Amino acid sequence: MSRTDLSDQQKAFFERLKSGQWDMPPAIRNMGIRPDLWLKEVRYGYTLYEWPNEGDRDINDGRVFGGWVAGLSDHIVSMTMASALENGEWFTTMELQTRILRPVPHGLITIEGRLVSRGRTTGLVEADWRDEKGRHLARITAAKAIREMTELRPDVAAQLGK
């Protein structure tokens, strides 16, 4: 079966996320990740983020902290995986690989997430970071375990009547 549309569950999820009504997990909120501002496009197996890097995540002058790159990337590949879920499914990260190819400069950073492969219980997702000149800055690869929402998010499943 080939899918091209978001499930009803995921349409509602992304509407809350983009409107700022999503109850952000503490880690996302504490890191200052703003999907309500930075998520520009979402469709099945694809997300596009634009992060305005103003230097507040630097480790040195003009160099973004690698932990920030990994943290934001985990969020982005997770939202990409979320876009490919069926009603009643959720996921968790099994593996996250972050390759920083060159220092991440200040300015508008574009990050595209894409689903590479989606099976019944596993998904493989990638994301690429690019600067305003189109230079490839980072490549992220993540393996996601897909499970029933009742297993991973019983709080949300209960709200949905699952």
C-alpha atoms as a PDB file:
ATOM      1  CA  MET A   1       0.000   0.000   0.000  1.00  0.00           C
ATOM      2  CA  SER A   2       1.374   3.393  -0.950  1.00  0.00           C
ATOM      3  CA  ARG A   3       0.395   6.387   1.152  1.00  0.00           C
ATOM      4  CA  THR A   4       0.666  10.011   0.231  1.00  0.00           C
ATOM      5  CA  ASP A   5      -1.542  11.736   2.814  1.00  0.00           C
ATOM      6  CA  LEU A   6      -1.224  12.382   6.518  1.00  0.00           C
ATOM      7  CA  SER A   7      -3.468  10.210   8.697  1.00  0.00           C
ATOM      8  CA  ASP A   8      -6.305  11.982  10.519  1.00  0.00           C
ATOM      9  CA  GLN A   9      -4.395  11.603  13.785  1.00  0.00           C
ATOM     10  CA  GLN A  10      -1.317  13.249  12.277  1.00  0.00           C
ATOM     11  CA  LYS A  11      -3.285  16.041  10.573  1.00  0.00           C
ATOM     12  CA  ALA A  12      -4.656  17.012  13.994  1.00  0.00           C
ATOM     13  CA  PHE A  13      -1.204  16.678  15.602  1.00  0.00           C
ATOM     14  CA  PHE A  14       0.499  18.955  13.054  1.00  0.00           C
ATOM     15  CA  GLU A  15      -2.320  21.507  13.209  1.00  0.00           C
ATOM     16  CA  ARG A  16      -1.739  21.776  16.983  1.00  0.00           C
ATOM     17  CA  LEU A  17       2.026  21.907  16.495  1.00  0.00           C
ATOM     18  CA  LYS A  18       1.980  24.653  13.849  1.00  0.00           C
ATOM     19  CA  SER A  19      -0.601  26.751  15.721  1.00  0.00           C
ATOM     20  CA  GLY A  20       1.421  26.705  18.944  1.00  0.00           C
ATOM     21  CA  GLN A  21      -1.300  24.692  20.734  1.00  0.00           C
ATOM     22  CA  TRP A  22       0.885  21.563  20.971  1.00  0.00           C
ATOM     23  CA  ASP A  23       1.773  20.717  24.544  1.00  0.00           C
ATOM     24  CA  MET A  24       5.526  20.640  23.923  1.00  0.00           C
ATOM     25  CA  PRO A  25       7.520  18.073  25.858  1.00  0.00           C
ATOM     26  CA  PRO A  26       9.782  19.717  28.477  1.00  0.00           C
ATOM     27  CA  ALA A  27      12.967  18.837  26.562  1.00  0.00           C
ATOM     28  CA  ILE A  28      11.739  20.579  23.400  1.00  0.00           C
ATOM     29  CA  ARG A  29      10.527  23.615  25.345  1.00  0.00           C
ATOM     30  CA  ASN A  30      13.720  23.851  27.452  1.00  0.00           C
ATOM     31  CA  MET A  31      15.944  23.658  24.377  1.00  0.00           C
ATOM     32  CA  GLY A  32      14.062  26.573  22.828  1.00  0.00           C
ATOM     33  CA  ILE A  33      12.953  24.616  19.754  1.00  0.00           C
ATOM     34  CA  ARG A  34      10.080  26.454  18.038  1.00  0.00           C
ATOM     35  CA  PRO A  35       8.253  24.172  15.599  1.00  0.00           C
ATOM     36  CA  ASP A  36       5.356  26.634  15.585  1.00  0.00           C
ATOM     37  CA  LEU A  37       7.691  29.185  13.955  1.00  0.00           C
ATOM     38  CA  TRP A  38      10.260  27.033  12.159  1.00  0.00           C
ATOM     39  CA  LEU A  39       8.161  24.247  10.557  1.00  0.00           C
ATOM     40  CA  LYS A  40       7.337  25.577   7.094  1.00  0.00           C
ATOM     41  CA  GLU A  41       6.027  22.475   5.324  1.00  0.00           C
ATOM     42  CA  VAL A  42       4.853  18.999   6.237  1.00  0.00           C
ATOM     43  CA  ARG A  43       3.493  16.207   4.106  1.00  0.00           C
ATOM     44  CA  TYR A  44       3.692  12.436   4.259  1.00  0.00           C
ATOM     45  CA  GLY A  45       7.343  11.516   4.885  1.00  0.00           C
ATOM     46  CA  TYR A  46       8.666  15.076   4.536  1.00  0.00           C
ATOM     47  CA  THR A  47       9.268  18.159   6.684  1.00  0.00           C
ATOM     48  CA  LEU A  48      10.884  21.492   5.920  1.00  0.00           C
ATOM     49  CA  TYR A  49      12.209  23.659   8.735  1.00  0.00           C
ATOM     50  CA  GLU A  50      13.807  27.108   8.564  1.00  0.00           C
ATOM     51  CA  TRP A  51      15.862  28.014  11.615  1.00  0.00           C
ATOM     52  CA  PRO A  52      17.018  31.661  11.907  1.00  0.00           C
ATOM     53  CA  ASN A  53      20.446  31.116  13.485  1.00  0.00           C
ATOM     54  CA  GLU A  54      21.239  34.325  15.319  1.00  0.00           C
ATOM     55  CA  GLY A  55      24.229  32.954  17.220  1.00  0.00           C
ATOM     56  CA  ASP A  56      22.502  32.161  20.520  1.00  0.00           C
ATOM     57  CA  ARG A  57      23.385  28.449  20.136  1.00  0.00           C
ATOM     58  CA  ASP A  58      27.098  29.018  19.419  1.00  0.00           C
ATOM     59  CA  ILE A  59      29.866  27.130  21.193  1.00  0.00           C
ATOM     60  CA  ASN A  60      32.476  29.479  19.649  1.00  0.00           C
ATOM     61  CA  ASP A  61      32.010  32.624  17.631  1.00  0.00           C
ATOM     62  CA  GLY A  62      30.177  31.605  14.469  1.00  0.00           C
ATOM     63  CA  ARG A  63      30.064  27.870  15.321  1.00  0.00           C
ATOM     64  CA  VAL A  64      26.861  26.218  16.509  1.00  0.00           C
ATOM     65  CA  PHE A  65      27.196  23.742  19.381  1.00  0.00           C
ATOM     66  CA  GLY A  66      27.089  20.186  17.993  1.00  0.00           C
ATOM     67  CA  GLY A  67      24.735  19.096  20.775  1.00  0.00           C
ATOM     68  CA  TRP A  68      22.240  21.709  19.570  1.00  0.00           C
ATOM     69  CA  VAL A  69      22.538  20.396  16.005  1.00  0.00           C
ATOM     70  CA  ALA A  70      21.834  16.870  17.311  1.00  0.00           C
ATOM     71  CA  GLY A  71      18.951  17.986  19.540  1.00  0.00           C
ATOM     72  CA  LEU A  72      17.160  20.029  16.884  1.00  0.00           C
ATOM     73  CA  SER A  73      17.833  17.286  14.353  1.00  0.00           C
ATOM     74  CA  ASP A  74      16.269  14.636  16.601  1.00  0.00           C
ATOM     75  CA  HIS A  75      13.131  16.780  16.759  1.00  0.00           C
ATOM     76  CA  ILE A  76      13.070  17.248  12.973  1.00  0.00           C
ATOM     77  CA  VAL A  77      13.585  13.581  12.048  1.00  0.00           C
ATOM     78  CA  SER A  78      11.002  12.712  14.700  1.00  0.00           C
ATOM     79  CA  MET A  79       8.432  15.038  13.137  1.00  0.00           C
ATOM     80  CA  THR A  80       9.277  13.566   9.742  1.00  0.00           C
ATOM     81  CA  MET A  81       8.583  10.082  11.132  1.00  0.00           C
ATOM     82  CA  ALA A  82       5.397  11.371  12.760  1.00  0.00           C
ATOM     83  CA  SER A  83       4.164  12.492   9.348  1.00  0.00           C
ATOM     84  CA  ALA A  84       4.233   8.870   8.154  1.00  0.00           C
ATOM     85  CA  LEU A  85       2.263   7.269  11.000  1.00  0.00           C
ATOM     86  CA  GLU A  86      -1.105   5.587  10.801  1.00  0.00           C
ATOM     87  CA  ASN A  87      -3.886   6.291  13.289  1.00  0.00           C
ATOM     88  CA  GLY A  88      -3.009   4.630  16.607  1.00  0.00           C
ATOM     89  CA  GLU A  89       0.759   4.476  15.965  1.00  0.00           C
ATOM     90  CA  TRP A  90       3.634   6.289  17.639  1.00  0.00           C
ATOM     91  CA  PHE A  91       7.429   5.870  17.586  1.00  0.00           C
ATOM     92  CA  THR A  92      10.622   6.184  19.564  1.00  0.00           C
ATOM     93  CA  THR A  93      14.184   6.852  18.446  1.00  0.00           C
ATOM     94  CA  MET A  94      16.403   3.754  18.355  1.00  0.00           C
ATOM     95  CA  GLU A  95      19.466   5.386  16.827  1.00  0.00           C
ATOM     96  CA  LEU A  96      20.483   8.924  15.887  1.00  0.00           C
ATOM     97  CA  GLN A  97      23.612   9.657  13.867  1.00  0.00           C
ATOM     98  CA  THR A  98      24.707  13.266  13.424  1.00  0.00           C
ATOM     99  CA  ARG A  99      27.378  14.138  10.860  1.00  0.00           C
ATOM    100  CA  ILE A 100      28.423  17.781  10.889  1.00  0.00           C
ATOM    101  CA  LEU A 101      30.125  18.383   7.554  1.00  0.00           C
ATOM    102  CA  ARG A 102      31.110  22.035   8.113  1.00  0.00           C
ATOM    103  CA  PRO A 103      30.532  24.633  10.826  1.00  0.00           C
ATOM    104  CA  VAL A 104      26.936  25.864  10.964  1.00  0.00           C
ATOM    105  CA  PRO A 105      27.084  29.645  10.331  1.00  0.00           C
ATOM    106  CA  HIS A 106      24.719  32.405  11.373  1.00  0.00           C
ATOM    107  CA  GLY A 107      21.805  33.143   9.051  1.00  0.00           C
ATOM    108  CA  LEU A 108      18.809  31.195   7.820  1.00  0.00           C
ATOM    109  CA  ILE A 109      19.423  27.445   8.021  1.00  0.00           C
ATOM    110  CA  THR A 110      17.140  25.183   5.990  1.00  0.00           C
ATOM    111  CA  ILE A 111      16.628  21.644   7.238  1.00  0.00           C
ATOM    112  CA  GLU A 112      14.767  19.068   5.158  1.00  0.00           C
ATOM    113  CA  GLY A 113      13.643  15.802   6.706  1.00  0.00           C
ATOM    114  CA  ARG A 114      12.606  12.856   4.572  1.00  0.00           C
ATOM    115  CA  LEU A 115      11.425   9.338   5.145  1.00  0.00           C
ATOM    116  CA  VAL A 116      13.814   6.888   3.489  1.00  0.00           C
ATOM    117  CA  SER A 117      12.040   3.641   4.394  1.00  0.00           C
ATOM    118  CA  ARG A 118       8.980   2.737   6.439  1.00  0.00           C
ATOM    119  CA  GLY A 119       8.117  -0.800   7.447  1.00  0.00           C
ATOM    120  CA  ARG A 120       5.562  -2.145   9.881  1.00  0.00           C
ATOM    121  CA  THR A 121       7.806  -1.696  12.957  1.00  0.00           C
ATOM    122  CA  THR A 122      10.760   0.432  11.809  1.00  0.00           C
ATOM    123  CA  GLY A 123      11.340   3.674   9.954  1.00  0.00           C
ATOM    124  CA  LEU A 124      14.549   5.192   8.590  1.00  0.00           C
ATOM    125  CA  VAL A 125      14.615   8.978   8.356  1.00  0.00           C
ATOM    126  CA  GLU A 126      17.250  11.477   7.185  1.00  0.00           C
ATOM    127  CA  ALA A 127      17.647  15.240   7.418  1.00  0.00           C
ATOM    128  CA  ASP A 128      20.000  17.616   5.632  1.00  0.00           C
ATOM    129  CA  TRP A 129      21.060  21.045   6.873  1.00  0.00           C
ATOM    130  CA  ARG A 130      21.943  23.799   4.348  1.00  0.00           C
ATOM    131  CA  ASP A 131      22.991  27.406   4.742  1.00  0.00           C
ATOM    132  CA  GLU A 132      21.800  30.430   2.770  1.00  0.00           C
ATOM    133  CA  LYS A 133      24.362  29.659   0.041  1.00  0.00           C
ATOM    134  CA  GLY A 134      23.020  26.111  -0.333  1.00  0.00           C
ATOM    135  CA  ARG A 135      26.112  24.505   1.224  1.00  0.00           C
ATOM    136  CA  HIS A 136      25.498  21.114   2.825  1.00  0.00           C
ATOM    137  CA  LEU A 137      26.231  21.521   6.562  1.00  0.00           C
ATOM    138  CA  ALA A 138      25.038  18.322   8.198  1.00  0.00           C
ATOM    139  CA  ARG A 139      23.406  14.960   7.504  1.00  0.00           C
ATOM    140  CA  ILE A 140      21.353  13.227  10.158  1.00  0.00           C
ATOM    141  CA  THR A 141      20.174   9.619   9.983  1.00  0.00           C
ATOM    142  CA  ALA A 142      17.740   8.112  12.480  1.00  0.00           C
ATOM    143  CA  ALA A 143      16.159   4.726  13.003  1.00  0.00           C
ATOM    144  CA  LYS A 144      12.707   4.834  14.603  1.00  0.00           C
ATOM    145  CA  ALA A 145      10.803   2.003  16.277  1.00  0.00           C
ATOM    146  CA  ILE A 146       7.113   2.178  15.328  1.00  0.00           C
ATOM    147  CA  ARG A 147       4.715   0.855  17.967  1.00  0.00           C
ATOM    148  CA  GLU A 148       1.095   1.080  19.037  1.00  0.00           C
ATOM    149  CA  MET A 149       0.436   4.422  20.684  1.00  0.00           C
ATOM    150  CA  THR A 150      -0.925   2.620  23.760  1.00  0.00           C
ATOM    151  CA  GLU A 151       2.585   1.214  24.319  1.00  0.00           C
ATOM    152  CA  LEU A 152       4.567   4.449  23.955  1.00  0.00           C
ATOM    153  CA  ARG A 153       2.060   7.225  24.714  1.00  0.00           C
ATOM    154  CA  PRO A 154      -0.769   5.876  26.880  1.00  0.00           C
ATOM    155  CA  ASP A 155      -1.603   9.460  27.932  1.00  0.00           C
ATOM    156  CA  VAL A 156      -2.304  10.514  24.347  1.00  0.00           C
ATOM    157  CA  ALA A 157      -4.003   7.214  23.463  1.00  0.00           C
ATOM    158  CA  ALA A 158      -6.420   7.738  26.370  1.00  0.00           C
ATOM    159  CA  GLN A 159      -7.277  11.235  25.069  1.00  0.00           C
ATOM    160  CA  LEU A 160      -8.020   9.757  21.644  1.00  0.00           C
ATOM    161  CA  GLY A 161     -10.137   6.961  23.131  1.00  0.00           C
ATOM    162  CA  LYS A 162      -7.725   4.208  22.005  1.00  0.00           C
END
